[in-house]
Amino acid sequence: MTRFKLVALGGTFDIIHKGHLELLQNGFSISSKVIIGLTSDELARKKGKKPDHDYSKRYEMLENAIEVNFPNSVYEISKLDNDFGPAVLEKEVEALVVSEETSSKGNELNRLRAERNSPPVQVIVVPMALARDGTRISTTRIKKSEIDADGNILS
């Protein structure tokens, strides 16, 4: 039995790695449905990120990762043009699943929801996935060929 009917989570998902899969696993394990906010190309640029893949390719890779790793899961991928997207607008969202890195977003989200007379969400913080060297797995480290998507050391 799941704890929630609807939760939200988000990310750029440029190179799908173990940390992304753990975030998704957490969302799917606690909710009947997950809304996944996928950062738009424009928002990624505003945040100083330089994804290797454009939005449509990242969407395709994310959808494939979900189908392979979490078959039969109920989800919706929504374009994020701001930090929160549907997590603010959908009153039915009951929880926000975040990494330790983005945990502060929960308070900001609940403030925005209060302004819209929406109930607050519960913030579920997922610990950062660590590479074999004990430091966090990140797309940046993968791009630098320090680690692979599973956190194995390459250099």
C-alpha atoms as a PDB file:
ATOM      1  CA  MET A   1       0.000   0.000   0.000  1.00  0.00           C
ATOM      2  CA  THR A   2       1.373   3.398  -0.957  1.00  0.00           C
ATOM      3  CA  ARG A   3       1.478   6.380   1.370  1.00  0.00           C
ATOM      4  CA  PHE A   4       0.427   8.937  -1.247  1.00  0.00           C
ATOM      5  CA  LYS A   5      -1.770   9.166  -4.324  1.00  0.00           C
ATOM      6  CA  LEU A   6       0.406  11.756  -6.072  1.00  0.00           C
ATOM      7  CA  VAL A   7       3.960  12.981  -5.514  1.00  0.00           C
ATOM      8  CA  ALA A   8       6.236  15.203  -7.577  1.00  0.00           C
ATOM      9  CA  LEU A   9       9.958  15.242  -8.210  1.00  0.00           C
ATOM     10  CA  GLY A  10      12.148  16.931 -10.764  1.00  0.00           C
ATOM     11  CA  GLY A  11      15.504  17.202 -12.431  1.00  0.00           C
ATOM     12  CA  THR A  12      17.459  17.813 -15.603  1.00  0.00           C
ATOM     13  CA  PHE A  13      18.119  14.091 -16.178  1.00  0.00           C
ATOM     14  CA  ASP A  14      20.861  14.786 -18.743  1.00  0.00           C
ATOM     15  CA  ILE A  15      22.742  11.546 -18.086  1.00  0.00           C
ATOM     16  CA  ILE A  16      20.594   9.104 -16.116  1.00  0.00           C
ATOM     17  CA  HIS A  17      22.648   7.800 -13.191  1.00  0.00           C
ATOM     18  CA  LYS A  18      22.240   5.841  -9.965  1.00  0.00           C
ATOM     19  CA  GLY A  19      21.207   8.979  -8.044  1.00  0.00           C
ATOM     20  CA  HIS A  20      18.375   9.668 -10.493  1.00  0.00           C
ATOM     21  CA  LEU A  21      17.225   6.059 -10.277  1.00  0.00           C
ATOM     22  CA  GLU A  22      17.185   6.206  -6.466  1.00  0.00           C
ATOM     23  CA  LEU A  23      15.132   9.427  -6.573  1.00  0.00           C
ATOM     24  CA  LEU A  24      12.658   7.822  -8.984  1.00  0.00           C
ATOM     25  CA  GLN A  25      12.569   4.585  -6.954  1.00  0.00           C
ATOM     26  CA  ASN A  26      11.688   6.561  -3.860  1.00  0.00           C
ATOM     27  CA  GLY A  27       8.870   8.364  -5.654  1.00  0.00           C
ATOM     28  CA  PHE A  28       7.410   5.198  -7.153  1.00  0.00           C
ATOM     29  CA  SER A  29       7.683   3.278  -3.877  1.00  0.00           C
ATOM     30  CA  ILE A  30       5.593   5.758  -1.880  1.00  0.00           C
ATOM     31  CA  SER A  31       2.987   6.906  -4.386  1.00  0.00           C
ATOM     32  CA  SER A  32       0.376   5.570  -6.774  1.00  0.00           C
ATOM     33  CA  LYS A  33       1.420   8.182  -9.359  1.00  0.00           C
ATOM     34  CA  VAL A  34       4.502  10.365  -9.812  1.00  0.00           C
ATOM     35  CA  ILE A  35       4.700  13.657 -11.680  1.00  0.00           C
ATOM     36  CA  ILE A  36       8.265  14.106 -12.912  1.00  0.00           C
ATOM     37  CA  GLY A  37       9.263  17.646 -13.760  1.00  0.00           C
ATOM     38  CA  LEU A  38      11.879  17.627 -16.517  1.00  0.00           C
ATOM     39  CA  THR A  39      13.913  20.828 -16.736  1.00  0.00           C
ATOM     40  CA  SER A  40      13.398  22.697 -20.007  1.00  0.00           C
ATOM     41  CA  ASP A  41      16.420  23.717 -22.074  1.00  0.00           C
ATOM     42  CA  GLU A  42      15.752  27.368 -21.208  1.00  0.00           C
ATOM     43  CA  LEU A  43      15.566  26.727 -17.451  1.00  0.00           C
ATOM     44  CA  ALA A  44      18.748  24.641 -17.614  1.00  0.00           C
ATOM     45  CA  ARG A  45      20.542  27.585 -19.268  1.00  0.00           C
ATOM     46  CA  LYS A  46      19.169  30.002 -16.647  1.00  0.00           C
ATOM     47  CA  LYS A  47      20.595  27.746 -13.928  1.00  0.00           C
ATOM     48  CA  GLY A  48      24.001  27.675 -15.641  1.00  0.00           C
ATOM     49  CA  LYS A  49      23.681  24.043 -16.703  1.00  0.00           C
ATOM     50  CA  LYS A  50      24.856  22.870 -20.097  1.00  0.00           C
ATOM     51  CA  PRO A  51      23.060  19.609 -20.827  1.00  0.00           C
ATOM     52  CA  ASP A  52      24.613  17.358 -23.467  1.00  0.00           C
ATOM     53  CA  HIS A  53      21.106  16.483 -24.659  1.00  0.00           C
ATOM     54  CA  ASP A  54      18.169  18.696 -25.590  1.00  0.00           C
ATOM     55  CA  TYR A  55      14.793  18.439 -23.864  1.00  0.00           C
ATOM     56  CA  SER A  56      13.273  15.952 -26.316  1.00  0.00           C
ATOM     57  CA  LYS A  57      16.260  13.578 -26.042  1.00  0.00           C
ATOM     58  CA  ARG A  58      16.294  13.864 -22.226  1.00  0.00           C
ATOM     59  CA  TYR A  59      12.536  13.151 -22.206  1.00  0.00           C
ATOM     60  CA  GLU A  60      13.106  10.046 -24.332  1.00  0.00           C
ATOM     61  CA  MET A  61      15.987   8.820 -22.132  1.00  0.00           C
ATOM     62  CA  LEU A  62      13.985   9.431 -18.931  1.00  0.00           C
ATOM     63  CA  GLU A  63      10.943   7.637 -20.291  1.00  0.00           C
ATOM     64  CA  ASN A  64      13.125   4.689 -21.354  1.00  0.00           C
ATOM     65  CA  ALA A  65      14.836   4.528 -17.939  1.00  0.00           C
ATOM     66  CA  ILE A  66      11.439   4.444 -16.223  1.00  0.00           C
ATOM     67  CA  GLU A  67      10.051   1.758 -18.536  1.00  0.00           C
ATOM     68  CA  VAL A  68      13.152  -0.431 -18.028  1.00  0.00           C
ATOM     69  CA  ASN A  69      13.650   0.085 -14.274  1.00  0.00           C
ATOM     70  CA  PHE A  70      10.093   0.709 -13.050  1.00  0.00           C
ATOM     71  CA  PRO A  71       7.734  -1.152 -15.408  1.00  0.00           C
ATOM     72  CA  ASN A  72       4.021  -0.703 -14.765  1.00  0.00           C
ATOM     73  CA  SER A  73       4.614   2.513 -12.811  1.00  0.00           C
ATOM     74  CA  VAL A  74       2.118   5.317 -13.278  1.00  0.00           C
ATOM     75  CA  TYR A  75       3.808   8.606 -14.088  1.00  0.00           C
ATOM     76  CA  GLU A  76       3.597  11.808 -16.066  1.00  0.00           C
ATOM     77  CA  ILE A  77       6.576  13.792 -17.346  1.00  0.00           C
ATOM     78  CA  SER A  78       5.967  17.530 -17.317  1.00  0.00           C
ATOM     79  CA  LYS A  79       8.210  20.276 -18.711  1.00  0.00           C
ATOM     80  CA  LEU A  80       9.695  22.495 -15.996  1.00  0.00           C
ATOM     81  CA  ASP A  81      10.030  26.127 -17.024  1.00  0.00           C
ATOM     82  CA  ASN A  82      10.489  27.158 -13.374  1.00  0.00           C
ATOM     83  CA  ASP A  83      11.686  25.431 -10.212  1.00  0.00           C
ATOM     84  CA  PHE A  84       8.352  23.804  -9.357  1.00  0.00           C
ATOM     85  CA  GLY A  85       5.956  23.420 -12.277  1.00  0.00           C
ATOM     86  CA  PRO A  86       2.993  21.176 -11.414  1.00  0.00           C
ATOM     87  CA  ALA A  87       4.105  20.776  -7.790  1.00  0.00           C
ATOM     88  CA  VAL A  88       2.756  24.305  -7.194  1.00  0.00           C
ATOM     89  CA  LEU A  89      -0.303  24.173  -9.417  1.00  0.00           C
ATOM     90  CA  GLU A  90      -1.658  20.673  -8.776  1.00  0.00           C
ATOM     91  CA  LYS A  91      -3.539  20.752  -5.478  1.00  0.00           C
ATOM     92  CA  GLU A  92      -3.565  16.943  -5.455  1.00  0.00           C
ATOM     93  CA  VAL A  93       0.234  16.737  -5.070  1.00  0.00           C
ATOM     94  CA  GLU A  94       0.815  15.434  -1.535  1.00  0.00           C
ATOM     95  CA  ALA A  95       4.603  15.224  -1.375  1.00  0.00           C
ATOM     96  CA  LEU A  96       7.757  16.495  -3.038  1.00  0.00           C
ATOM     97  CA  VAL A  97      10.613  14.007  -3.375  1.00  0.00           C
ATOM     98  CA  VAL A  98      13.976  15.810  -3.330  1.00  0.00           C
ATOM     99  CA  SER A  99      17.655  15.013  -2.957  1.00  0.00           C
ATOM    100  CA  GLU A 100      19.653  16.370  -0.031  1.00  0.00           C
ATOM    101  CA  GLU A 101      21.069  18.892  -2.500  1.00  0.00           C
ATOM    102  CA  THR A 102      17.630  20.374  -3.240  1.00  0.00           C
ATOM    103  CA  SER A 103      15.921  19.828   0.130  1.00  0.00           C
ATOM    104  CA  SER A 104      15.560  23.584   0.770  1.00  0.00           C
ATOM    105  CA  LYS A 105      13.094  23.765  -2.127  1.00  0.00           C
ATOM    106  CA  GLY A 106      10.391  22.202   0.047  1.00  0.00           C
ATOM    107  CA  ASN A 107       9.890  25.302   2.202  1.00  0.00           C
ATOM    108  CA  GLU A 108       9.778  27.533  -0.858  1.00  0.00           C
ATOM    109  CA  LEU A 109       7.258  25.236  -2.538  1.00  0.00           C
ATOM    110  CA  ASN A 110       4.976  25.238   0.503  1.00  0.00           C
ATOM    111  CA  ARG A 111       5.109  29.050   0.640  1.00  0.00           C
ATOM    112  CA  LEU A 112       4.032  29.232  -3.021  1.00  0.00           C
ATOM    113  CA  ARG A 113       1.292  26.661  -2.440  1.00  0.00           C
ATOM    114  CA  ALA A 114      -0.007  28.646   0.551  1.00  0.00           C
ATOM    115  CA  GLU A 115      -0.274  31.734  -1.684  1.00  0.00           C
ATOM    116  CA  ARG A 116      -2.548  29.675  -3.943  1.00  0.00           C
ATOM    117  CA  ASN A 117      -4.569  28.251  -1.043  1.00  0.00           C
ATOM    118  CA  SER A 118      -3.223  24.768  -1.735  1.00  0.00           C
ATOM    119  CA  PRO A 119      -2.375  22.423   1.118  1.00  0.00           C
ATOM    120  CA  PRO A 120       1.305  22.034   2.020  1.00  0.00           C
ATOM    121  CA  VAL A 121       3.209  19.044   0.718  1.00  0.00           C
ATOM    122  CA  GLN A 122       5.300  16.664   2.743  1.00  0.00           C
ATOM    123  CA  VAL A 123       8.979  16.907   1.766  1.00  0.00           C
ATOM    124  CA  ILE A 124      10.686  13.532   1.336  1.00  0.00           C
ATOM    125  CA  VAL A 125      14.488  13.880   1.319  1.00  0.00           C
ATOM    126  CA  VAL A 126      16.407  11.126  -0.460  1.00  0.00           C
ATOM    127  CA  PRO A 127      20.082  10.786   0.551  1.00  0.00           C
ATOM    128  CA  MET A 128      22.613  11.507  -2.188  1.00  0.00           C
ATOM    129  CA  ALA A 129      23.843   8.405  -3.999  1.00  0.00           C
ATOM    130  CA  LEU A 130      27.548   7.977  -3.386  1.00  0.00           C
ATOM    131  CA  ALA A 131      30.229   6.795  -5.768  1.00  0.00           C
ATOM    132  CA  ARG A 132      32.719   4.117  -4.714  1.00  0.00           C
ATOM    133  CA  ASP A 133      35.054   6.891  -3.500  1.00  0.00           C
ATOM    134  CA  GLY A 134      32.425   8.102  -1.011  1.00  0.00           C
ATOM    135  CA  THR A 135      31.597  11.345  -2.825  1.00  0.00           C
ATOM    136  CA  ARG A 136      28.287  12.001  -4.508  1.00  0.00           C
ATOM    137  CA  ILE A 137      27.360  10.753  -7.942  1.00  0.00           C
ATOM    138  CA  SER A 138      26.662  13.639 -10.292  1.00  0.00           C
ATOM    139  CA  THR A 139      26.265  14.254 -13.995  1.00  0.00           C
ATOM    140  CA  THR A 140      29.221  16.656 -13.805  1.00  0.00           C
ATOM    141  CA  ARG A 141      31.517  13.927 -12.465  1.00  0.00           C
ATOM    142  CA  ILE A 142      30.297  11.524 -15.158  1.00  0.00           C
ATOM    143  CA  LYS A 143      30.953  14.121 -17.888  1.00  0.00           C
ATOM    144  CA  LYS A 144      34.480  14.612 -16.519  1.00  0.00           C
ATOM    145  CA  SER A 145      34.991  10.814 -16.781  1.00  0.00           C
ATOM    146  CA  GLU A 146      35.714  10.575 -13.041  1.00  0.00           C
ATOM    147  CA  ILE A 147      32.942   7.999 -12.520  1.00  0.00           C
ATOM    148  CA  ASP A 148      30.378   6.047 -14.489  1.00  0.00           C
ATOM    149  CA  ALA A 149      26.601   6.209 -14.019  1.00  0.00           C
ATOM    150  CA  ASP A 150      26.796   3.562 -11.269  1.00  0.00           C
ATOM    151  CA  GLY A 151      29.472   5.424  -9.297  1.00  0.00           C
ATOM    152  CA  ASN A 152      32.434   3.273 -10.299  1.00  0.00           C
ATOM    153  CA  ILE A 153      35.738   5.184 -10.400  1.00  0.00           C
ATOM    154  CA  LEU A 154      37.147   5.717 -13.895  1.00  0.00           C
ATOM    155  CA  SER A 155      40.169   7.967 -13.340  1.00  0.00           C
END
